[in-house]
Amino acid sequence: MADIINFPALIDQDSLMFSHGVSVDWDNVAASRKDSVTGKKVIEAYTVMKKTASAKWVPVDADVDVSTLTDWGLIASDAYEDEAVSAADNYGLLIGGSFYTNMLPDYKAGNTTLAESIDGKKGFVLVSQYVDSRV
């Protein structure tokens, strides 16, 4: 879990609630998620994911309210296409936790409705904005 702690969106490590591991449907992950150096698709930790008809998971690449989704959660760590270790064991799925809204990847990508709509759903609690007031 050490890699999860370092993400700035997370308020409290002890607030995290995990579900089962999930498999990513890389064939249906948007090409816009390709890394410019490696050419492989990357999903950033805490991205909102949805379950597909094939029971695999893809990022929600639309600014929708999560209440319109059948099954969803936040991917617990960065996911990399063709990464053998994580793919073999599946990726962790978060179904609860305390986060800063404006630090979530979906919010930073402009999907503010999507990011804000997880507040109060399942076990998620969001604090509106992270502000660094240090001088």
N, C-alpha and C. Protein backbone atom coordinates (compact mmCIF):
# COMPACT_ATOMS: atom_id res chain seq x y z
N MET A 1 0.81 -1.18 0.00
CA MET A 1 0.00 0.00 0.00
C MET A 1 0.86 1.25 0.00
N ALA A 2 2.15 1.14 0.06
CA ALA A 2 3.02 2.31 0.11
C ALA A 2 2.84 3.24 -1.08
N ASP A 3 2.56 2.68 -2.26
CA ASP A 3 2.40 3.54 -3.43
C ASP A 3 1.11 4.35 -3.40
N ILE A 4 0.13 3.94 -2.62
CA ILE A 4 -1.13 4.65 -2.53
C ILE A 4 -1.00 5.89 -1.65
N ILE A 5 -0.21 5.82 -0.61
CA ILE A 5 -0.11 6.89 0.36
C ILE A 5 0.40 8.20 -0.23
N ASN A 6 1.23 8.15 -1.23
CA ASN A 6 1.88 9.34 -1.76
C ASN A 6 1.03 10.19 -2.69
N PHE A 7 -0.17 9.78 -3.03
CA PHE A 7 -0.99 10.55 -3.95
C PHE A 7 -1.62 11.73 -3.23
N PRO A 8 -1.49 12.94 -3.78
CA PRO A 8 -1.94 14.15 -3.08
C PRO A 8 -3.45 14.27 -2.90
N ALA A 9 -4.25 13.54 -3.64
CA ALA A 9 -5.70 13.65 -3.49
C ALA A 9 -6.20 13.01 -2.20
N LEU A 10 -5.45 12.07 -1.67
CA LEU A 10 -5.86 11.31 -0.49
C LEU A 10 -5.71 12.13 0.78
N ILE A 11 -6.78 12.22 1.56
CA ILE A 11 -6.73 12.95 2.83
C ILE A 11 -6.28 12.03 3.95
N ASP A 12 -6.87 10.84 4.03
CA ASP A 12 -6.64 9.95 5.17
C ASP A 12 -6.51 8.51 4.69
N GLN A 13 -5.32 7.96 4.82
CA GLN A 13 -5.05 6.59 4.39
C GLN A 13 -5.99 5.60 5.08
N ASP A 14 -6.32 5.84 6.34
CA ASP A 14 -7.16 4.91 7.08
C ASP A 14 -8.62 4.93 6.62
N SER A 15 -8.99 5.91 5.80
CA SER A 15 -10.37 6.00 5.33
C SER A 15 -10.63 5.11 4.11
N LEU A 16 -9.58 4.56 3.52
CA LEU A 16 -9.73 3.79 2.28
C LEU A 16 -10.53 2.50 2.50
N MET A 17 -11.47 2.25 1.59
CA MET A 17 -12.23 1.01 1.59
C MET A 17 -12.04 0.36 0.23
N PHE A 18 -11.59 -0.89 0.26
CA PHE A 18 -11.27 -1.61 -0.98
C PHE A 18 -12.34 -2.63 -1.32
N SER A 19 -12.52 -2.83 -2.61
CA SER A 19 -13.35 -3.90 -3.12
C SER A 19 -12.39 -4.96 -3.69
N HIS A 20 -12.93 -5.86 -4.43
CA HIS A 20 -12.14 -6.91 -5.09
C HIS A 20 -11.21 -6.30 -6.14
N GLY A 21 -10.25 -7.08 -6.59
CA GLY A 21 -9.39 -6.64 -7.67
C GLY A 21 -10.15 -6.65 -8.98
N VAL A 22 -9.80 -5.75 -9.88
CA VAL A 22 -10.49 -5.66 -11.16
C VAL A 22 -9.50 -5.75 -12.31
N SER A 23 -9.99 -6.25 -13.44
CA SER A 23 -9.19 -6.31 -14.67
C SER A 23 -9.57 -5.13 -15.55
N VAL A 24 -8.56 -4.49 -16.12
CA VAL A 24 -8.79 -3.37 -17.03
C VAL A 24 -8.99 -3.89 -18.44
N ASP A 25 -9.98 -3.36 -19.12
CA ASP A 25 -10.26 -3.69 -20.52
C ASP A 25 -9.45 -2.73 -21.39
N TRP A 26 -8.17 -3.03 -21.56
CA TRP A 26 -7.26 -2.12 -22.26
C TRP A 26 -7.68 -1.84 -23.70
N ASP A 27 -8.36 -2.80 -24.33
CA ASP A 27 -8.80 -2.59 -25.71
C ASP A 27 -9.81 -1.44 -25.81
N ASN A 28 -10.52 -1.18 -24.73
CA ASN A 28 -11.56 -0.15 -24.73
C ASN A 28 -11.18 1.08 -23.91
N VAL A 29 -9.93 1.19 -23.50
CA VAL A 29 -9.45 2.41 -22.86
C VAL A 29 -9.11 3.39 -23.98
N ALA A 30 -9.55 4.63 -23.82
CA ALA A 30 -9.39 5.63 -24.88
C ALA A 30 -7.93 5.83 -25.28
N ALA A 31 -7.72 6.00 -26.56
CA ALA A 31 -6.37 6.24 -27.10
C ALA A 31 -5.76 7.52 -26.53
N SER A 32 -6.59 8.43 -26.07
CA SER A 32 -6.09 9.68 -25.49
C SER A 32 -5.31 9.44 -24.20
N ARG A 33 -5.39 8.25 -23.65
CA ARG A 33 -4.65 7.92 -22.43
C ARG A 33 -3.27 7.33 -22.72
N LYS A 34 -2.84 7.35 -23.98
CA LYS A 34 -1.51 6.84 -24.35
C LYS A 34 -0.43 7.79 -23.87
N ASP A 35 0.62 7.21 -23.31
CA ASP A 35 1.79 7.96 -22.90
C ASP A 35 2.58 8.32 -24.16
N SER A 36 3.00 9.57 -24.26
CA SER A 36 3.69 10.03 -25.48
C SER A 36 5.06 9.40 -25.66
N VAL A 37 5.67 8.93 -24.59
CA VAL A 37 7.00 8.32 -24.68
C VAL A 37 6.91 6.83 -24.99
N THR A 38 6.10 6.10 -24.21
CA THR A 38 6.04 4.65 -24.36
C THR A 38 5.01 4.19 -25.39
N GLY A 39 4.01 5.01 -25.65
CA GLY A 39 2.93 4.61 -26.54
C GLY A 39 1.93 3.67 -25.88
N LYS A 40 2.12 3.39 -24.60
CA LYS A 40 1.22 2.52 -23.84
C LYS A 40 0.18 3.37 -23.11
N LYS A 41 -1.00 2.82 -22.90
CA LYS A 41 -2.05 3.52 -22.19
C LYS A 41 -1.76 3.51 -20.68
N VAL A 42 -2.12 4.61 -20.02
CA VAL A 42 -1.90 4.77 -18.59
C VAL A 42 -3.17 5.31 -17.95
N ILE A 43 -3.53 4.74 -16.79
CA ILE A 43 -4.66 5.24 -16.02
C ILE A 43 -4.12 5.71 -14.69
N GLU A 44 -4.34 6.97 -14.35
CA GLU A 44 -3.83 7.55 -13.12
C GLU A 44 -4.64 7.07 -11.92
N ALA A 45 -3.95 6.84 -10.80
CA ALA A 45 -4.61 6.43 -9.57
C ALA A 45 -5.74 7.39 -9.23
N TYR A 46 -6.82 6.85 -8.68
CA TYR A 46 -8.03 7.56 -8.25
C TYR A 46 -8.90 8.03 -9.41
N THR A 47 -8.67 7.49 -10.59
CA THR A 47 -9.55 7.76 -11.72
C THR A 47 -10.84 6.97 -11.52
N VAL A 48 -11.97 7.56 -11.84
CA VAL A 48 -13.26 6.86 -11.73
C VAL A 48 -13.32 5.82 -12.85
N MET A 49 -13.62 4.58 -12.45
CA MET A 49 -13.70 3.46 -13.38
C MET A 49 -15.12 2.90 -13.36
N LYS A 50 -15.54 2.33 -14.50
CA LYS A 50 -16.85 1.69 -14.57
C LYS A 50 -16.70 0.28 -15.11
N LYS A 51 -17.64 -0.56 -14.72
CA LYS A 51 -17.64 -1.95 -15.16
C LYS A 51 -18.33 -2.04 -16.52
N THR A 52 -17.72 -2.81 -17.43
CA THR A 52 -18.28 -3.00 -18.77
C THR A 52 -19.11 -4.28 -18.82
N ALA A 53 -19.77 -4.50 -19.94
CA ALA A 53 -20.56 -5.71 -20.14
C ALA A 53 -19.70 -6.97 -20.06
N SER A 54 -18.41 -6.84 -20.37
CA SER A 54 -17.50 -8.00 -20.31
C SER A 54 -16.95 -8.22 -18.91
N ALA A 55 -17.44 -7.46 -17.92
CA ALA A 55 -17.03 -7.56 -16.51
C ALA A 55 -15.61 -7.05 -16.28
N LYS A 56 -15.07 -6.35 -17.26
CA LYS A 56 -13.78 -5.68 -17.07
C LYS A 56 -14.07 -4.20 -16.83
N TRP A 57 -13.02 -3.42 -16.56
CA TRP A 57 -13.20 -2.04 -16.13
C TRP A 57 -12.47 -1.06 -17.04
N VAL A 58 -13.09 0.09 -17.27
CA VAL A 58 -12.50 1.17 -18.07
C VAL A 58 -12.74 2.50 -17.37
N PRO A 59 -11.90 3.49 -17.65
CA PRO A 59 -12.13 4.82 -17.08
C PRO A 59 -13.43 5.43 -17.64
N VAL A 60 -14.08 6.22 -16.82
CA VAL A 60 -15.26 6.96 -17.28
C VAL A 60 -14.73 8.22 -17.95
N ASP A 61 -14.78 8.25 -19.26
CA ASP A 61 -14.24 9.39 -20.01
C ASP A 61 -15.33 10.36 -20.42
N ALA A 62 -16.22 10.64 -19.50
CA ALA A 62 -17.30 11.60 -19.76
C ALA A 62 -17.62 12.30 -18.44
N ASP A 63 -18.12 13.50 -18.53
CA ASP A 63 -18.44 14.27 -17.34
C ASP A 63 -19.89 13.99 -16.94
N VAL A 64 -20.11 12.84 -16.32
CA VAL A 64 -21.45 12.40 -15.92
C VAL A 64 -21.51 12.22 -14.40
N ASP A 65 -22.71 12.18 -13.87
CA ASP A 65 -22.92 11.90 -12.45
C ASP A 65 -22.78 10.39 -12.26
N VAL A 66 -22.06 9.96 -11.23
CA VAL A 66 -21.85 8.51 -11.03
C VAL A 66 -23.14 7.76 -10.76
N SER A 67 -24.18 8.45 -10.35
CA SER A 67 -25.46 7.76 -10.10
C SER A 67 -26.04 7.19 -11.40
N THR A 68 -25.52 7.61 -12.55
CA THR A 68 -25.97 7.07 -13.84
C THR A 68 -25.23 5.78 -14.20
N LEU A 69 -24.24 5.41 -13.40
CA LEU A 69 -23.43 4.22 -13.68
C LEU A 69 -23.91 3.04 -12.84
N THR A 70 -23.86 1.84 -13.42
CA THR A 70 -24.29 0.65 -12.70
C THR A 70 -23.29 0.25 -11.63
N ASP A 71 -22.05 0.14 -11.97
CA ASP A 71 -21.02 -0.26 -11.01
C ASP A 71 -19.78 0.58 -11.28
N TRP A 72 -19.21 1.17 -10.23
CA TRP A 72 -18.08 2.07 -10.39
C TRP A 72 -17.24 2.09 -9.12
N GLY A 73 -16.06 2.66 -9.25
CA GLY A 73 -15.14 2.83 -8.12
C GLY A 73 -13.93 3.62 -8.62
N LEU A 74 -12.97 3.84 -7.75
CA LEU A 74 -11.73 4.52 -8.13
C LEU A 74 -10.61 3.49 -8.18
N ILE A 75 -9.84 3.51 -9.25
CA ILE A 75 -8.70 2.59 -9.33
C ILE A 75 -7.69 3.03 -8.26
N ALA A 76 -7.13 2.07 -7.52
CA ALA A 76 -6.34 2.38 -6.34
C ALA A 76 -4.89 2.78 -6.62
N SER A 77 -4.40 2.48 -7.79
CA SER A 77 -3.01 2.82 -8.12
C SER A 77 -2.93 3.12 -9.61
N ASP A 78 -1.80 3.67 -10.02
CA ASP A 78 -1.59 3.87 -11.45
C ASP A 78 -1.64 2.52 -12.15
N ALA A 79 -2.23 2.48 -13.34
CA ALA A 79 -2.30 1.25 -14.13
C ALA A 79 -1.63 1.49 -15.48
N TYR A 80 -0.82 0.54 -15.89
CA TYR A 80 -0.06 0.67 -17.13
C TYR A 80 -0.38 -0.50 -18.05
N GLU A 81 -0.70 -0.20 -19.29
CA GLU A 81 -0.98 -1.24 -20.28
C GLU A 81 0.23 -2.17 -20.42
N ASP A 82 -0.03 -3.45 -20.48
CA ASP A 82 1.00 -4.49 -20.63
C ASP A 82 1.93 -4.63 -19.43
N GLU A 83 1.51 -4.15 -18.27
CA GLU A 83 2.29 -4.32 -17.05
C GLU A 83 1.93 -5.69 -16.47
N ALA A 84 2.81 -6.63 -16.61
CA ALA A 84 2.51 -8.03 -16.28
C ALA A 84 2.17 -8.26 -14.81
N VAL A 85 2.89 -7.65 -13.89
CA VAL A 85 2.69 -7.93 -12.47
C VAL A 85 1.31 -7.50 -12.00
N SER A 86 0.95 -6.26 -12.19
CA SER A 86 -0.35 -5.77 -11.73
C SER A 86 -1.50 -6.40 -12.50
N ALA A 87 -1.32 -6.58 -13.77
CA ALA A 87 -2.39 -7.14 -14.59
C ALA A 87 -2.70 -8.58 -14.18
N ALA A 88 -1.69 -9.33 -13.78
CA ALA A 88 -1.90 -10.72 -13.37
C ALA A 88 -2.67 -10.80 -12.06
N ASP A 89 -2.43 -9.86 -11.17
CA ASP A 89 -3.07 -9.86 -9.86
C ASP A 89 -4.32 -8.99 -9.82
N ASN A 90 -4.61 -8.29 -10.89
CA ASN A 90 -5.70 -7.31 -10.98
C ASN A 90 -5.32 -6.04 -10.22
N TYR A 91 -6.10 -5.01 -10.43
CA TYR A 91 -5.86 -3.72 -9.78
C TYR A 91 -6.87 -3.53 -8.66
N GLY A 92 -6.44 -2.88 -7.59
CA GLY A 92 -7.34 -2.60 -6.48
C GLY A 92 -8.40 -1.59 -6.89
N LEU A 93 -9.59 -1.73 -6.35
CA LEU A 93 -10.68 -0.81 -6.61
C LEU A 93 -11.14 -0.22 -5.29
N LEU A 94 -11.14 1.11 -5.22
CA LEU A 94 -11.59 1.78 -4.00
C LEU A 94 -13.09 2.03 -4.09
N ILE A 95 -13.79 1.73 -2.99
CA ILE A 95 -15.22 2.00 -2.92
C ILE A 95 -15.52 2.99 -1.80
N GLY A 96 -14.47 3.60 -1.26
CA GLY A 96 -14.66 4.61 -0.23
C GLY A 96 -13.34 5.22 0.18
N GLY A 97 -13.43 6.41 0.75
CA GLY A 97 -12.24 7.11 1.23
C GLY A 97 -12.48 8.60 1.27
N SER A 98 -11.54 9.32 1.87
CA SER A 98 -11.63 10.78 1.97
C SER A 98 -10.60 11.41 1.03
N PHE A 99 -11.08 12.28 0.15
CA PHE A 99 -10.24 12.87 -0.88
C PHE A 99 -10.51 14.36 -1.05
N TYR A 100 -9.52 15.06 -1.58
CA TYR A 100 -9.71 16.44 -2.00
C TYR A 100 -10.26 16.41 -3.42
N THR A 101 -11.42 17.01 -3.63
CA THR A 101 -12.07 16.99 -4.94
C THR A 101 -11.17 17.50 -6.04
N ASN A 102 -10.56 18.67 -5.82
CA ASN A 102 -9.79 19.30 -6.90
C ASN A 102 -8.46 18.61 -7.18
N MET A 103 -8.10 17.59 -6.42
CA MET A 103 -6.88 16.85 -6.67
C MET A 103 -7.14 15.52 -7.38
N LEU A 104 -8.40 15.17 -7.57
CA LEU A 104 -8.72 13.93 -8.28
C LEU A 104 -8.41 14.08 -9.77
N PRO A 105 -7.89 13.04 -10.42
CA PRO A 105 -7.53 13.14 -11.84
C PRO A 105 -8.69 13.57 -12.74
N ASP A 106 -9.89 13.09 -12.45
CA ASP A 106 -11.03 13.46 -13.30
C ASP A 106 -11.35 14.94 -13.17
N TYR A 107 -11.24 15.48 -11.98
CA TYR A 107 -11.50 16.91 -11.77
C TYR A 107 -10.47 17.74 -12.52
N LYS A 108 -9.21 17.34 -12.38
CA LYS A 108 -8.13 18.08 -13.06
C LYS A 108 -8.27 18.00 -14.59
N ALA A 109 -8.90 16.93 -15.08
CA ALA A 109 -9.09 16.76 -16.53
C ALA A 109 -10.32 17.51 -17.05
N GLY A 110 -11.03 18.18 -16.15
CA GLY A 110 -12.20 18.94 -16.56
C GLY A 110 -13.53 18.24 -16.35
N ASN A 111 -13.51 17.01 -15.86
CA ASN A 111 -14.74 16.27 -15.59
C ASN A 111 -15.20 16.55 -14.16
N THR A 112 -15.57 17.79 -13.90
CA THR A 112 -15.89 18.22 -12.53
C THR A 112 -17.17 17.59 -12.01
N THR A 113 -18.18 17.41 -12.85
CA THR A 113 -19.42 16.77 -12.42
C THR A 113 -19.13 15.35 -11.96
N LEU A 114 -18.35 14.63 -12.75
CA LEU A 114 -17.98 13.25 -12.42
C LEU A 114 -17.28 13.21 -11.07
N ALA A 115 -16.26 14.02 -10.89
CA ALA A 115 -15.48 14.01 -9.65
C ALA A 115 -16.34 14.42 -8.45
N GLU A 116 -17.11 15.47 -8.59
CA GLU A 116 -17.91 15.96 -7.46
C GLU A 116 -19.06 15.02 -7.10
N SER A 117 -19.55 14.24 -8.07
CA SER A 117 -20.72 13.40 -7.82
C SER A 117 -20.42 12.17 -6.95
N ILE A 118 -19.16 11.85 -6.72
CA ILE A 118 -18.87 10.69 -5.87
C ILE A 118 -19.06 11.00 -4.38
N ASP A 119 -19.13 12.28 -4.03
CA ASP A 119 -19.28 12.66 -2.63
C ASP A 119 -20.57 12.09 -2.05
N GLY A 120 -20.45 11.37 -0.95
CA GLY A 120 -21.60 10.80 -0.29
C GLY A 120 -22.10 9.49 -0.89
N LYS A 121 -21.51 9.05 -1.99
CA LYS A 121 -21.91 7.78 -2.61
C LYS A 121 -20.96 6.69 -2.11
N LYS A 122 -21.50 5.50 -1.99
CA LYS A 122 -20.74 4.38 -1.44
C LYS A 122 -20.12 4.86 -0.13
N GLY A 123 -18.81 4.80 0.01
CA GLY A 123 -18.17 5.28 1.24
C GLY A 123 -17.28 6.47 1.03
N PHE A 124 -17.58 7.29 0.02
CA PHE A 124 -16.71 8.42 -0.30
C PHE A 124 -17.13 9.70 0.39
N VAL A 125 -16.11 10.42 0.85
CA VAL A 125 -16.30 11.75 1.42
C VAL A 125 -15.29 12.65 0.74
N LEU A 126 -15.76 13.76 0.19
CA LEU A 126 -14.88 14.70 -0.49
C LEU A 126 -14.83 16.02 0.27
N VAL A 127 -13.65 16.58 0.32
CA VAL A 127 -13.47 17.93 0.83
C VAL A 127 -13.28 18.79 -0.40
N SER A 128 -14.08 19.83 -0.51
CA SER A 128 -14.15 20.63 -1.73
C SER A 128 -12.83 20.93 -2.39
N GLN A 129 -11.99 21.65 -1.74
CA GLN A 129 -10.77 22.13 -2.41
C GLN A 129 -9.57 22.00 -1.49
N TYR A 130 -8.48 21.57 -2.07
CA TYR A 130 -7.20 21.61 -1.37
C TYR A 130 -6.58 22.96 -1.68
N VAL A 131 -6.16 23.66 -0.64
CA VAL A 131 -5.50 24.95 -0.82
C VAL A 131 -4.24 24.93 0.01
N ASP A 132 -3.13 25.26 -0.60
CA ASP A 132 -1.85 25.33 0.10
C ASP A 132 -1.60 26.79 0.47
N SER A 133 -1.72 27.09 1.76
CA SER A 133 -1.58 28.47 2.21
C SER A 133 -0.18 28.77 2.77
N ARG A 134 0.75 27.84 2.54
CA ARG A 134 2.12 28.10 3.02
C ARG A 134 2.73 29.26 2.26
N VAL A 135 3.54 30.01 2.95
CA VAL A 135 4.19 31.18 2.31
C VAL A 135 5.49 30.76 1.67
